[in-house]
Amino acid sequence: MTSVLFFFTALAVLVTLLPLSRHPHWFVRGMDFPRLQFAIYIAILLLADFLLLDMQSAFTWPLIIVATLCLIWQLWWILPYTILWPREVKKACGNSRENQLSIMTANVLTPNRKADALIRHAKEHKPDVLVTLESDQWWEDQLKVLEADMPYCVKCPLDNLYGMHVFSRLPLDEKEILYLVEEDVPSIHVSLMLRTGDTIRMHFVHPAPPSPTENSESSERDAELVIVARSVADSDQPVIVTGDLNDVAWSATTRLFRKISGLLDPRVGRGMYNTFHADYPFLRWPLDHLFHSQHFTLESIQRLPSIGSDHFTLLTKLIFSPEKGASQDGLTPDASDHNWSKEIAENQGVSKYDVPQPGENK
């Protein structure tokens, strides 16, 4: 039994240490995703150690100590996305509709044909902005009914799983569709005017994931996130970045995005809001994100019922309250973070100057 538990402990060590290398290979970066599942696995392993091993054996306590350290390390990454952690974004209260901005982020899954489910969500929750990811021409045709209430649109229908559409009740300006890193992976950049008359800068992104069927490395995804982060870090404007980042909230690269950009994550201290995979409850993690500047506080965030996609839809309601939000603090970068972000961008030959800055000159 000791040899069996030694094997499972060695496996726990392997999945814990691999991501520390920062190697961009999809298998290594994939170890960031199931940290919650790894934590559960290691907790069960520790229980087995106490139940099945001889406490007097010289091999028992080293196994227990190693497994405990692995569990602590996994929990360090995921605990911020539980109610045990202090909230990063303040709870909004007593604000008028004029100050509210609600955003629905939906990866629809291109072959999914349940457009009526998403349309029902839109009609029920009445978001100010709806962004769809993986939407092709068929989805564009189906969602045209929303334009009566959401007439401001940016449309980029593609059949390669990277199509993207933005529908808005509020005026959009300086609209651009760009292919920042890969020639077939778009992003959308706009300025949006709130009901208060204030202008905010919005970036909608969906970089390709590291996987054996797409990019063998995370380099392209990481570069897109980094240059958007470095671009918005220079802005004094209210900023929102949302989309399917194909990266989990607790990964080193998403943390790097938060550090460099200075943007806040409303899930910290509230929950994981796992949006993928909708069909497998035990294999879920937060892939759909919304980050915002200090100008906003949070009214609510929720994961909506299934629309037939492999992703759940995320609905976030923010309140534009610059004075109340001014004291909110996110993660702080150090010199190594800045060096790492520059290295990622330079390796792909991209720059923060490739990212539009809508609303900056108003």
Protein backbone atom coordinates (compact mmCIF):
# COMPACT_ATOMS: atom_id res chain seq x y z
CA MET A 1 0.00 0.00 0.00
CA THR A 2 2.91 2.36 0.72
CA SER A 3 4.21 1.96 -2.84
CA VAL A 4 0.75 2.68 -4.28
CA LEU A 5 0.35 5.85 -2.22
CA PHE A 6 3.92 6.84 -3.06
CA PHE A 7 2.99 6.66 -6.76
CA PHE A 8 -0.09 8.85 -6.28
CA THR A 9 1.93 11.30 -4.20
CA ALA A 10 4.55 11.52 -6.95
CA LEU A 11 1.74 12.24 -9.40
CA ALA A 12 0.47 15.03 -7.14
CA VAL A 13 3.97 16.51 -7.06
CA LEU A 14 4.23 16.34 -10.84
CA VAL A 15 0.95 18.19 -11.55
CA THR A 16 1.84 20.76 -8.88
CA LEU A 17 5.34 21.51 -10.11
CA LEU A 18 4.82 21.43 -13.89
CA PRO A 19 3.13 24.87 -14.18
CA LEU A 20 6.02 26.47 -12.29
CA SER A 21 8.20 26.08 -15.39
CA ARG A 22 6.16 28.68 -17.35
CA HIS A 23 6.79 26.52 -20.40
CA PRO A 24 4.16 27.42 -23.03
CA HIS A 25 3.50 23.83 -24.21
CA TRP A 26 -0.22 23.05 -24.08
CA PHE A 27 0.24 20.12 -21.69
CA VAL A 28 2.17 22.19 -19.17
CA ARG A 29 -0.20 25.15 -19.38
CA GLY A 30 -3.12 22.74 -19.13
CA MET A 31 -2.04 21.94 -15.59
CA ASP A 32 -3.32 25.40 -14.58
CA PHE A 33 -6.90 24.48 -15.39
CA PRO A 34 -7.92 21.66 -13.00
CA ARG A 35 -6.39 23.05 -9.82
CA LEU A 36 -9.71 22.59 -8.00
CA GLN A 37 -9.85 18.97 -9.15
CA PHE A 38 -6.20 18.47 -8.19
CA ALA A 39 -6.92 19.90 -4.72
CA ILE A 40 -9.78 17.43 -4.26
CA TYR A 41 -7.56 14.58 -5.48
CA ILE A 42 -4.77 15.51 -3.04
CA ALA A 43 -7.23 15.88 -0.15
CA ILE A 44 -8.50 12.34 -0.83
CA LEU A 45 -4.90 11.16 -1.05
CA LEU A 46 -4.15 12.65 2.38
CA LEU A 47 -7.19 10.96 3.83
CA ALA A 48 -5.98 7.65 2.40
CA ASP A 49 -2.55 8.26 3.91
CA PHE A 50 -4.01 8.65 7.39
CA LEU A 51 -6.36 5.68 7.04
CA LEU A 52 -4.12 3.17 5.30
CA LEU A 53 -0.51 3.89 6.26
CA ASP A 54 1.36 2.84 9.35
CA MET A 55 1.93 6.03 11.33
CA GLN A 56 5.06 4.49 12.86
CA SER A 57 6.73 3.93 9.48
CA ALA A 58 9.61 6.18 8.45
CA PHE A 59 7.98 6.63 5.01
CA THR A 60 4.57 7.77 6.20
CA TRP A 61 5.17 11.31 7.41
CA PRO A 62 7.32 12.37 4.43
CA LEU A 63 4.45 11.31 2.15
CA ILE A 64 1.94 13.21 4.27
CA ILE A 65 4.10 16.35 4.41
CA VAL A 66 4.71 16.35 0.64
CA ALA A 67 1.00 15.86 -0.10
CA THR A 68 0.08 18.61 2.38
CA LEU A 69 2.47 21.07 0.72
CA CYS A 70 0.98 20.23 -2.69
CA LEU A 71 -2.53 20.81 -1.33
CA ILE A 72 -1.56 24.16 0.19
CA TRP A 73 -0.03 25.26 -3.11
CA GLN A 74 -3.13 24.30 -5.12
CA LEU A 75 -5.40 26.04 -2.63
CA TRP A 76 -3.28 29.20 -2.76
CA TRP A 77 -4.34 29.64 -6.40
CA ILE A 78 -8.05 28.88 -6.06
CA LEU A 79 -8.98 30.27 -2.62
CA PRO A 80 -9.26 33.87 -3.94
CA TYR A 81 -12.25 32.61 -5.93
CA THR A 82 -14.17 31.59 -2.85
CA ILE A 83 -16.08 33.49 -0.17
CA LEU A 84 -13.14 32.88 2.18
CA TRP A 85 -11.17 35.64 0.42
CA PRO A 86 -11.69 39.42 0.75
CA ARG A 87 -13.67 40.88 -2.13
CA GLU A 88 -11.62 42.76 -4.69
CA VAL A 89 -14.59 44.75 -6.01
CA LYS A 90 -16.99 46.58 -3.72
CA LYS A 91 -20.68 45.80 -3.63
CA ALA A 92 -22.73 48.58 -5.20
CA CYS A 93 -25.90 49.81 -3.55
CA GLY A 94 -28.47 52.54 -4.02
CA ASN A 95 -27.49 53.45 -7.56
CA SER A 96 -29.78 54.55 -10.34
CA ARG A 97 -30.35 52.85 -13.67
CA GLU A 98 -28.37 55.66 -15.33
CA ASN A 99 -25.16 54.46 -13.70
CA GLN A 100 -25.68 50.77 -14.48
CA LEU A 101 -23.94 48.81 -17.21
CA SER A 102 -24.94 45.17 -17.65
CA ILE A 103 -22.92 42.88 -19.90
CA MET A 104 -23.82 39.39 -21.09
CA THR A 105 -20.87 37.29 -22.30
CA ALA A 106 -21.92 34.19 -24.25
CA ASN A 107 -19.78 31.60 -26.02
CA VAL A 108 -22.55 30.08 -28.11
CA LEU A 109 -20.64 27.09 -29.64
CA THR A 110 -20.86 27.42 -33.43
CA PRO A 111 -22.75 24.15 -34.20
CA ASN A 112 -25.24 24.78 -31.36
CA ARG A 113 -28.69 25.55 -32.75
CA LYS A 114 -30.46 26.69 -29.58
CA ALA A 115 -30.38 30.38 -30.40
CA ASP A 116 -33.83 30.77 -28.87
CA ALA A 117 -32.35 30.03 -25.43
CA LEU A 118 -29.87 32.91 -25.72
CA ILE A 119 -32.57 35.19 -27.11
CA ARG A 120 -34.75 34.36 -24.09
CA HIS A 121 -31.86 35.28 -21.78
CA ALA A 122 -31.41 38.58 -23.59
CA LYS A 123 -35.11 39.42 -23.44
CA GLU A 124 -35.41 38.42 -19.79
CA HIS A 125 -32.30 40.13 -18.42
CA LYS A 126 -32.16 43.02 -20.91
CA PRO A 127 -28.37 43.48 -20.87
CA ASP A 128 -26.96 46.75 -22.12
CA VAL A 129 -24.29 44.82 -24.04
CA LEU A 130 -24.31 41.27 -25.39
CA VAL A 131 -21.12 39.78 -26.80
CA THR A 132 -21.32 36.42 -28.54
CA LEU A 133 -18.28 34.26 -29.20
CA GLU A 134 -18.04 31.47 -31.81
CA SER A 135 -20.96 33.08 -33.65
CA ASP A 136 -21.10 32.51 -37.41
CA GLN A 137 -23.48 33.78 -40.11
CA TRP A 138 -26.26 31.45 -38.93
CA TRP A 139 -26.05 32.91 -35.43
CA GLU A 140 -25.96 36.43 -36.83
CA ASP A 141 -29.18 35.74 -38.74
CA GLN A 142 -30.90 34.29 -35.67
CA LEU A 143 -29.85 37.11 -33.36
CA LYS A 144 -31.02 39.82 -35.73
CA VAL A 145 -34.27 39.95 -33.72
CA LEU A 146 -32.30 41.56 -30.88
CA GLU A 147 -31.41 44.58 -32.97
CA ALA A 148 -34.80 46.18 -32.34
CA ASP A 149 -33.72 46.75 -28.73
CA MET A 150 -29.96 46.64 -29.27
CA PRO A 151 -29.40 48.59 -32.48
CA TYR A 152 -25.69 49.34 -32.04
CA CYS A 153 -23.77 46.38 -33.41
CA VAL A 154 -20.35 45.12 -34.45
CA LYS A 155 -20.48 41.93 -36.50
CA CYS A 156 -17.69 39.53 -37.34
CA PRO A 157 -19.27 36.22 -38.44
CA LEU A 158 -16.71 33.43 -38.95
CA ASP A 159 -17.07 29.68 -39.31
CA ASN A 160 -13.74 28.82 -37.65
CA LEU A 161 -15.03 28.97 -34.03
CA TYR A 162 -13.76 32.54 -33.62
CA GLY A 163 -16.65 34.61 -34.93
CA MET A 164 -17.77 37.43 -32.65
CA HIS A 165 -20.72 39.80 -32.40
CA VAL A 166 -21.48 42.73 -30.12
CA PHE A 167 -25.03 44.05 -29.64
CA SER A 168 -25.65 47.13 -27.52
CA ARG A 169 -28.51 49.30 -26.28
CA LEU A 170 -26.02 52.10 -25.74
CA PRO A 171 -24.20 54.00 -28.49
CA LEU A 172 -20.94 52.51 -29.75
CA ASP A 173 -18.21 54.54 -31.42
CA GLU A 174 -14.69 54.01 -32.77
CA LYS A 175 -15.58 50.41 -33.61
CA GLU A 176 -12.70 48.23 -34.80
CA ILE A 177 -12.27 44.54 -35.58
CA LEU A 178 -8.62 43.55 -35.40
CA TYR A 179 -6.55 40.37 -35.63
CA LEU A 180 -3.96 41.24 -33.02
CA VAL A 181 -1.83 38.08 -32.97
CA GLU A 182 -3.31 35.44 -35.28
CA GLU A 183 -4.72 36.20 -38.70
CA ASP A 184 -7.95 34.23 -38.13
CA VAL A 185 -8.64 35.18 -34.49
CA PRO A 186 -10.41 38.55 -34.17
CA SER A 187 -11.01 40.91 -31.30
CA ILE A 188 -13.45 43.84 -31.13
CA HIS A 189 -12.64 47.26 -29.67
CA VAL A 190 -15.17 50.05 -29.10
CA SER A 191 -15.99 53.07 -27.03
CA LEU A 192 -19.41 53.03 -25.39
CA MET A 193 -21.40 55.95 -24.05
CA LEU A 194 -23.14 55.36 -20.75
CA ARG A 195 -26.52 56.88 -19.92
CA THR A 196 -24.61 59.39 -17.79
CA GLY A 197 -22.79 60.62 -20.90
CA ASP A 198 -19.47 59.14 -19.75
CA THR A 199 -17.44 57.21 -22.32
CA ILE A 200 -15.84 53.88 -21.52
CA ARG A 201 -13.34 51.79 -23.42
CA MET A 202 -14.26 48.16 -24.13
CA HIS A 203 -12.25 45.24 -25.50
CA PHE A 204 -13.85 41.91 -26.46
CA VAL A 205 -11.36 39.08 -26.85
CA HIS A 206 -11.31 35.35 -27.61
CA PRO A 207 -7.72 34.14 -28.11
CA ALA A 208 -7.12 30.59 -29.27
CA PRO A 209 -6.39 28.03 -26.54
CA PRO A 210 -3.26 25.95 -26.15
CA SER A 211 -4.35 22.46 -27.16
CA PRO A 212 -3.20 19.51 -29.29
CA THR A 213 -5.84 20.39 -31.92
CA GLU A 214 -5.22 24.17 -32.16
CA ASN A 215 -2.05 25.86 -30.88
CA SER A 216 0.54 23.53 -29.46
CA GLU A 217 1.68 26.35 -27.19
CA SER A 218 0.00 29.12 -25.24
CA SER A 219 2.28 31.76 -26.76
CA GLU A 220 -0.35 33.32 -29.05
CA ARG A 221 -3.02 33.45 -26.36
CA ASP A 222 -0.63 34.87 -23.80
CA ALA A 223 0.62 37.53 -26.21
CA GLU A 224 -2.89 38.79 -26.97
CA LEU A 225 -3.72 39.05 -23.29
CA VAL A 226 -0.43 40.78 -22.50
CA ILE A 227 -0.66 43.48 -25.16
CA VAL A 228 -4.26 44.30 -24.21
CA ALA A 229 -3.16 44.47 -20.57
CA ARG A 230 -0.21 46.75 -21.35
CA SER A 231 -2.40 48.97 -23.51
CA VAL A 232 -5.14 49.55 -20.92
CA ALA A 233 -2.56 50.04 -18.15
CA ASP A 234 -1.70 53.37 -19.74
CA SER A 235 -5.33 54.55 -19.72
CA ASP A 236 -7.11 56.81 -17.26
CA GLN A 237 -10.40 55.99 -18.97
CA PRO A 238 -12.97 53.57 -17.55
CA VAL A 239 -12.08 50.20 -19.11
CA ILE A 240 -13.78 46.81 -19.47
CA VAL A 241 -12.24 43.69 -20.98
CA THR A 242 -14.47 40.65 -21.45
CA GLY A 243 -14.66 37.42 -23.41
CA ASP A 244 -13.58 33.81 -23.41
CA LEU A 245 -9.88 34.04 -22.60
CA ASN A 246 -9.34 30.28 -22.94
CA ASP A 247 -7.50 30.58 -19.65
CA VAL A 248 -8.65 30.02 -16.10
CA ALA A 249 -9.06 32.84 -13.60
CA TRP A 250 -6.31 31.50 -11.34
CA SER A 251 -3.61 30.79 -13.92
CA ALA A 252 -0.24 32.53 -13.84
CA THR A 253 -0.99 34.22 -17.18
CA THR A 254 -4.39 35.56 -16.12
CA ARG A 255 -2.79 36.83 -12.92
CA LEU A 256 -0.15 38.47 -15.10
CA PHE A 257 -2.93 40.11 -17.15
CA ARG A 258 -4.51 41.46 -13.96
CA LYS A 259 -1.20 42.71 -12.60
CA ILE A 260 -0.09 44.49 -15.77
CA SER A 261 -3.52 45.91 -16.69
CA GLY A 262 -4.45 47.02 -13.18
CA LEU A 263 -7.98 45.79 -13.85
CA LEU A 264 -10.14 44.21 -11.17
CA ASP A 265 -11.85 40.81 -11.09
CA PRO A 266 -15.33 40.93 -9.51
CA ARG A 267 -15.23 37.17 -8.84
CA VAL A 268 -12.46 37.48 -6.25
CA GLY A 269 -14.03 36.86 -2.85
CA ARG A 270 -17.35 35.86 -4.41
CA GLY A 271 -16.96 32.59 -6.31
CA MET A 272 -15.50 30.81 -9.29
CA TYR A 273 -18.47 31.16 -11.65
CA ASN A 274 -17.25 28.20 -13.69
CA THR A 275 -18.59 28.59 -17.21
CA PHE A 276 -16.95 25.61 -18.97
CA HIS A 277 -17.69 22.69 -19.51
CA ALA A 278 -21.47 22.96 -19.26
CA ASP A 279 -21.97 19.22 -19.84
CA TYR A 280 -19.50 17.88 -17.26
CA PRO A 281 -20.09 19.18 -13.72
CA PHE A 282 -16.85 17.74 -12.33
CA LEU A 283 -14.74 19.24 -15.15
CA ARG A 284 -15.61 22.91 -14.92
CA TRP A 285 -13.51 26.01 -14.61
CA PRO A 286 -13.87 29.78 -15.19
CA LEU A 287 -12.97 30.47 -18.83
CA ASP A 288 -15.32 33.41 -19.50
CA HIS A 289 -14.14 36.60 -17.84
CA LEU A 290 -14.94 40.23 -17.23
CA PHE A 291 -12.32 42.60 -15.85
CA HIS A 292 -12.86 46.30 -15.20
CA SER A 293 -11.11 49.41 -13.97
CA GLN A 294 -11.60 51.02 -10.58
CA HIS A 295 -14.34 53.21 -12.00
CA PHE A 296 -16.92 50.47 -11.39
CA THR A 297 -18.40 48.62 -8.45
CA LEU A 298 -20.46 45.43 -8.71
CA GLU A 299 -24.21 45.14 -8.53
CA SER A 300 -24.32 41.42 -9.36
CA ILE A 301 -22.64 38.62 -11.27
CA GLN A 302 -24.30 35.35 -12.20
CA ARG A 303 -23.96 32.30 -14.37
CA LEU A 304 -27.10 31.78 -16.42
CA PRO A 305 -28.75 28.43 -17.32
CA SER A 306 -27.52 26.44 -20.31
CA ILE A 307 -28.16 27.62 -23.85
CA GLY A 308 -27.03 24.32 -25.39
CA SER A 309 -23.40 25.44 -25.66
CA ASP A 310 -20.42 23.91 -23.90
CA HIS A 311 -20.19 27.26 -22.07
CA PHE A 312 -22.64 28.84 -19.67
CA THR A 313 -23.44 32.51 -20.22
CA LEU A 314 -22.07 35.07 -17.77
CA LEU A 315 -24.12 38.13 -16.79
CA THR A 316 -22.34 40.97 -14.98
CA LYS A 317 -23.99 44.15 -13.76
CA LEU A 318 -21.63 47.00 -12.93
CA ILE A 319 -22.27 50.43 -11.49
CA PHE A 320 -20.26 53.37 -12.75
CA SER A 321 -19.14 54.97 -9.47
CA PRO A 322 -15.59 56.36 -9.80
CA GLU A 323 -15.53 57.95 -6.34
CA LYS A 324 -16.62 54.81 -4.47
CA GLY A 325 -14.39 52.58 -6.58
CA ALA A 326 -11.27 54.70 -6.25
CA SER A 327 -10.07 52.80 -3.17
CA GLN A 328 -10.33 49.38 -4.79
CA ASP A 329 -7.03 47.59 -5.27
CA GLY A 330 -6.10 44.68 -7.49
CA LEU A 331 -2.81 42.85 -7.93
CA THR A 332 0.44 44.80 -8.07
CA PRO A 333 3.13 43.93 -10.63
CA ASP A 334 6.83 43.80 -9.90
CA ALA A 335 9.83 44.04 -12.21
CA SER A 336 9.73 40.33 -13.08
CA ASP A 337 6.07 40.64 -14.16
CA HIS A 338 6.90 43.52 -16.50
CA ASN A 339 9.87 41.63 -17.92
CA TRP A 340 7.80 38.50 -18.46
CA SER A 341 5.03 40.44 -20.22
CA LYS A 342 7.56 42.12 -22.54
CA GLU A 343 9.15 38.77 -23.34
CA ILE A 344 5.77 37.23 -24.22
CA ALA A 345 4.88 40.11 -26.55
CA GLU A 346 8.29 40.26 -28.22
CA ASN A 347 8.30 36.52 -28.89
CA GLN A 348 5.17 36.99 -31.01
CA GLY A 349 6.32 40.27 -32.57
CA VAL A 350 3.37 42.25 -31.21
CA SER A 351 3.07 45.40 -29.15
CA LYS A 352 0.63 47.28 -26.96
CA TYR A 353 0.55 49.89 -29.73
CA ASP A 354 -1.28 47.34 -31.90
CA VAL A 355 -4.29 47.64 -29.58
CA PRO A 356 -6.77 50.44 -30.30
CA GLN A 357 -7.51 53.02 -27.61
CA PRO A 358 -11.16 53.93 -28.23
CA GLY A 359 -12.41 56.88 -26.27
CA GLU A 360 -8.97 58.11 -25.24
CA ASN A 361 -9.21 61.36 -27.18
CA LYS A 362 -12.66 62.37 -25.99
